Amino acid sequence: QVQLVESGGGLVQAGGSLRLSCAASERTFSTYALGWFRQGPGKEREFVAAISRTGYTTDYVDSVKGRFTISRDNAKNTVYLQMNSLKPEDTAVYYCAADLPKLGRQWDPPGQWDYWGQGTQVTVSS
């Protein structure tokens, strides 16, 4: 069982930056792909970013490309999401997730991820 604990959320003005962190309890952290998802008010949870087990491959939802950067430190069992140029529409609860990829994929479709954190609130004021 992997436990994921997010931190770093908060209130920021539009155009500002935040860095989210997610610490994992698992010793085999490097065997998991990691990702960030978010759920805004009245919206469904959506994929934000993912990073492969090695860290060599990343992907982002179009709306955050060029503004957000996902990274991981396997020695610290931590994944990060650096968020720059924040917009009010980025307001959401952000969730960290871990995935043990199947069928040779870099990571599985969002509905098949294995472990989820409790979430951290990010609020961007205009």
C-alpha atoms as a PDB file:
ATOM      1  CA  GLN A   1       0.000   0.000   0.000  1.00  0.00           C
ATOM      2  CA  VAL A   2       1.445   3.353  -1.074  1.00  0.00           C
ATOM      3  CA  GLN A   3       0.580   6.410   0.981  1.00  0.00           C
ATOM      4  CA  LEU A   4       0.806   9.769  -0.775  1.00  0.00           C
ATOM      5  CA  VAL A   5       0.786  13.081   1.080  1.00  0.00           C
ATOM      6  CA  GLU A   6       0.504  16.346  -0.851  1.00  0.00           C
ATOM      7  CA  SER A   7       1.647  19.746   0.366  1.00  0.00           C
ATOM      8  CA  GLY A   8       2.270  23.217  -0.993  1.00  0.00           C
ATOM      9  CA  GLY A   9      -1.222  24.338  -1.899  1.00  0.00           C
ATOM     10  CA  GLY A  10      -2.592  27.719  -0.955  1.00  0.00           C
ATOM     11  CA  LEU A  11      -3.946  31.036  -2.129  1.00  0.00           C
ATOM     12  CA  VAL A  12      -2.061  32.960  -4.800  1.00  0.00           C
ATOM     13  CA  GLN A  13      -2.826  35.859  -7.107  1.00  0.00           C
ATOM     14  CA  ALA A  14      -3.138  35.362 -10.827  1.00  0.00           C
ATOM     15  CA  GLY A  15       0.283  35.313 -12.433  1.00  0.00           C
ATOM     16  CA  GLY A  16       1.888  33.891  -9.325  1.00  0.00           C
ATOM     17  CA  SER A  17       3.592  30.559  -8.690  1.00  0.00           C
ATOM     18  CA  LEU A  18       3.253  27.589  -6.376  1.00  0.00           C
ATOM     19  CA  ARG A  19       5.148  24.345  -6.046  1.00  0.00           C
ATOM     20  CA  LEU A  20       3.252  21.270  -4.966  1.00  0.00           C
ATOM     21  CA  SER A  21       5.052  18.337  -3.394  1.00  0.00           C
ATOM     22  CA  CYS A  22       3.906  14.777  -2.872  1.00  0.00           C
ATOM     23  CA  ALA A  23       5.801  12.463  -0.553  1.00  0.00           C
ATOM     24  CA  ALA A  24       5.353   8.717  -0.854  1.00  0.00           C
ATOM     25  CA  SER A  25       5.809   6.050   1.781  1.00  0.00           C
ATOM     26  CA  GLU A  26       6.850   3.327  -0.655  1.00  0.00           C
ATOM     27  CA  ARG A  27      10.437   2.086  -0.767  1.00  0.00           C
ATOM     28  CA  THR A  28       9.908   0.968  -4.363  1.00  0.00           C
ATOM     29  CA  PHE A  29       8.905   4.497  -5.350  1.00  0.00           C
ATOM     30  CA  SER A  30      10.951   4.341  -8.552  1.00  0.00           C
ATOM     31  CA  THR A  31       8.780   1.542  -9.927  1.00  0.00           C
ATOM     32  CA  TYR A  32       5.729   3.826 -10.094  1.00  0.00           C
ATOM     33  CA  ALA A  33       4.731   6.372 -12.662  1.00  0.00           C
ATOM     34  CA  LEU A  34       3.486   9.499 -10.911  1.00  0.00           C
ATOM     35  CA  GLY A  35       0.981  12.142 -11.789  1.00  0.00           C
ATOM     36  CA  TRP A  36      -1.058  15.117 -10.764  1.00  0.00           C
ATOM     37  CA  PHE A  37      -4.780  15.462 -11.284  1.00  0.00           C
ATOM     38  CA  ARG A  38      -7.165  18.223 -10.290  1.00  0.00           C
ATOM     39  CA  GLN A  39     -10.832  18.761  -9.625  1.00  0.00           C
ATOM     40  CA  GLY A  40     -12.228  22.259  -9.885  1.00  0.00           C
ATOM     41  CA  PRO A  41     -15.531  23.470  -8.408  1.00  0.00           C
ATOM     42  CA  GLY A  42     -18.390  21.678 -10.138  1.00  0.00           C
ATOM     43  CA  LYS A  43     -16.036  19.835 -12.469  1.00  0.00           C
ATOM     44  CA  GLU A  44     -14.882  16.285 -12.924  1.00  0.00           C
ATOM     45  CA  ARG A  45     -11.381  15.263 -11.958  1.00  0.00           C
ATOM     46  CA  GLU A  46      -8.967  15.821 -14.835  1.00  0.00           C
ATOM     47  CA  PHE A  47      -5.457  14.782 -15.714  1.00  0.00           C
ATOM     48  CA  VAL A  48      -2.840  17.531 -15.299  1.00  0.00           C
ATOM     49  CA  ALA A  49       0.591  15.937 -15.694  1.00  0.00           C
ATOM     50  CA  ALA A  50       2.409  12.624 -15.517  1.00  0.00           C
ATOM     51  CA  ILE A  51       6.006  11.485 -15.312  1.00  0.00           C
ATOM     52  CA  SER A  52       7.416   8.070 -16.103  1.00  0.00           C
ATOM     53  CA  ARG A  53       9.268   5.870 -13.656  1.00  0.00           C
ATOM     54  CA  THR A  54      12.652   7.057 -14.930  1.00  0.00           C
ATOM     55  CA  GLY A  55      11.586  10.674 -15.226  1.00  0.00           C
ATOM     56  CA  TYR A  56      12.550  10.790 -18.879  1.00  0.00           C
ATOM     57  CA  THR A  57       8.985  11.020 -20.195  1.00  0.00           C
ATOM     58  CA  THR A  58       6.412  13.598 -19.187  1.00  0.00           C
ATOM     59  CA  ASP A  59       3.023  14.693 -20.469  1.00  0.00           C
ATOM     60  CA  TYR A  60       0.687  17.575 -19.711  1.00  0.00           C
ATOM     61  CA  VAL A  61      -2.864  18.604 -20.392  1.00  0.00           C
ATOM     62  CA  ASP A  62      -2.845  21.306 -23.072  1.00  0.00           C
ATOM     63  CA  SER A  63      -4.121  24.010 -20.734  1.00  0.00           C
ATOM     64  CA  VAL A  64      -0.986  23.877 -18.548  1.00  0.00           C
ATOM     65  CA  LYS A  65       1.721  23.248 -21.143  1.00  0.00           C
ATOM     66  CA  GLY A  66       4.476  25.828 -20.862  1.00  0.00           C
ATOM     67  CA  ARG A  67       3.325  26.862 -17.369  1.00  0.00           C
ATOM     68  CA  PHE A  68       3.535  23.694 -15.228  1.00  0.00           C
ATOM     69  CA  THR A  69       6.480  21.324 -14.801  1.00  0.00           C
ATOM     70  CA  ILE A  70       6.359  17.903 -13.210  1.00  0.00           C
ATOM     71  CA  SER A  71       9.514  16.367 -11.775  1.00  0.00           C
ATOM     72  CA  ARG A  72      10.505  13.604  -9.396  1.00  0.00           C
ATOM     73  CA  ASP A  73      13.294  12.851  -6.963  1.00  0.00           C
ATOM     74  CA  ASN A  74      13.454   9.087  -6.480  1.00  0.00           C
ATOM     75  CA  ALA A  75      16.029   9.444  -3.686  1.00  0.00           C
ATOM     76  CA  LYS A  76      13.506  11.486  -1.690  1.00  0.00           C
ATOM     77  CA  ASN A  77      10.403   9.529  -2.765  1.00  0.00           C
ATOM     78  CA  THR A  78       8.870  12.830  -3.851  1.00  0.00           C
ATOM     79  CA  VAL A  79       7.150  14.187  -6.932  1.00  0.00           C
ATOM     80  CA  TYR A  80       6.733  17.896  -7.588  1.00  0.00           C
ATOM     81  CA  LEU A  81       4.496  20.128  -9.655  1.00  0.00           C
ATOM     82  CA  GLN A  82       5.913  23.580 -10.313  1.00  0.00           C
ATOM     83  CA  MET A  83       3.069  25.869 -11.341  1.00  0.00           C
ATOM     84  CA  ASN A  84       3.872  29.244 -12.884  1.00  0.00           C
ATOM     85  CA  SER A  85       1.713  31.955 -14.439  1.00  0.00           C
ATOM     86  CA  LEU A  86      -1.266  30.683 -12.518  1.00  0.00           C
ATOM     87  CA  LYS A  87      -4.746  31.570 -13.712  1.00  0.00           C
ATOM     88  CA  PRO A  88      -8.071  31.643 -11.847  1.00  0.00           C
ATOM     89  CA  GLU A  89      -9.169  28.615 -13.888  1.00  0.00           C
ATOM     90  CA  ASP A  90      -6.347  26.617 -12.257  1.00  0.00           C
ATOM     91  CA  THR A  91      -8.278  26.794  -8.983  1.00  0.00           C
ATOM     92  CA  ALA A  92      -8.912  23.213  -7.889  1.00  0.00           C
ATOM     93  CA  VAL A  93      -8.049  20.491  -5.448  1.00  0.00           C
ATOM     94  CA  TYR A  94      -4.852  18.911  -6.741  1.00  0.00           C
ATOM     95  CA  TYR A  95      -4.282  15.202  -6.232  1.00  0.00           C
ATOM     96  CA  CYS A  96      -1.086  13.235  -6.474  1.00  0.00           C
ATOM     97  CA  ALA A  97      -1.355   9.695  -7.832  1.00  0.00           C
ATOM     98  CA  ALA A  98       0.888   6.685  -8.357  1.00  0.00           C
ATOM     99  CA  ASP A  99       0.563   4.051 -11.028  1.00  0.00           C
ATOM    100  CA  LEU A 100       2.220   0.693 -11.531  1.00  0.00           C
ATOM    101  CA  PRO A 101       2.114   0.615 -15.334  1.00  0.00           C
ATOM    102  CA  LYS A 102       0.614  -2.380 -17.080  1.00  0.00           C
ATOM    103  CA  LEU A 103       1.072  -3.825 -20.537  1.00  0.00           C
ATOM    104  CA  GLY A 104       4.380  -2.048 -21.092  1.00  0.00           C
ATOM    105  CA  ARG A 105       2.881   1.458 -20.969  1.00  0.00           C
ATOM    106  CA  GLN A 106       4.600   4.485 -19.515  1.00  0.00           C
ATOM    107  CA  TRP A 107       1.458   4.891 -17.400  1.00  0.00           C
ATOM    108  CA  ASP A 108      -2.138   3.736 -17.495  1.00  0.00           C
ATOM    109  CA  PRO A 109      -5.278   5.706 -18.335  1.00  0.00           C
ATOM    110  CA  PRO A 110      -6.381   7.895 -15.397  1.00  0.00           C
ATOM    111  CA  GLY A 111      -9.162   5.555 -14.270  1.00  0.00           C
ATOM    112  CA  GLN A 112      -6.642   2.760 -13.731  1.00  0.00           C
ATOM    113  CA  TRP A 113      -4.143   4.506 -11.460  1.00  0.00           C
ATOM    114  CA  ASP A 114      -3.440   2.597  -8.283  1.00  0.00           C
ATOM    115  CA  TYR A 115      -2.978   5.045  -5.412  1.00  0.00           C
ATOM    116  CA  TRP A 116      -4.221   8.544  -4.660  1.00  0.00           C
ATOM    117  CA  GLY A 117      -3.420  11.244  -2.131  1.00  0.00           C
ATOM    118  CA  GLN A 118      -5.994  13.231  -0.189  1.00  0.00           C
ATOM    119  CA  GLY A 119      -5.516  16.394  -2.212  1.00  0.00           C
ATOM    120  CA  THR A 120      -4.346  19.944  -1.591  1.00  0.00           C
ATOM    121  CA  GLN A 121      -6.347  23.078  -2.379  1.00  0.00           C
ATOM    122  CA  VAL A 122      -4.988  25.614  -4.845  1.00  0.00           C
ATOM    123  CA  THR A 123      -6.904  28.871  -5.145  1.00  0.00           C
ATOM    124  CA  VAL A 124      -5.933  31.526  -7.688  1.00  0.00           C
ATOM    125  CA  SER A 125      -7.501  34.933  -7.220  1.00  0.00           C
ATOM    126  CA  SER A 126      -8.010  37.361 -10.088  1.00  0.00           C
END
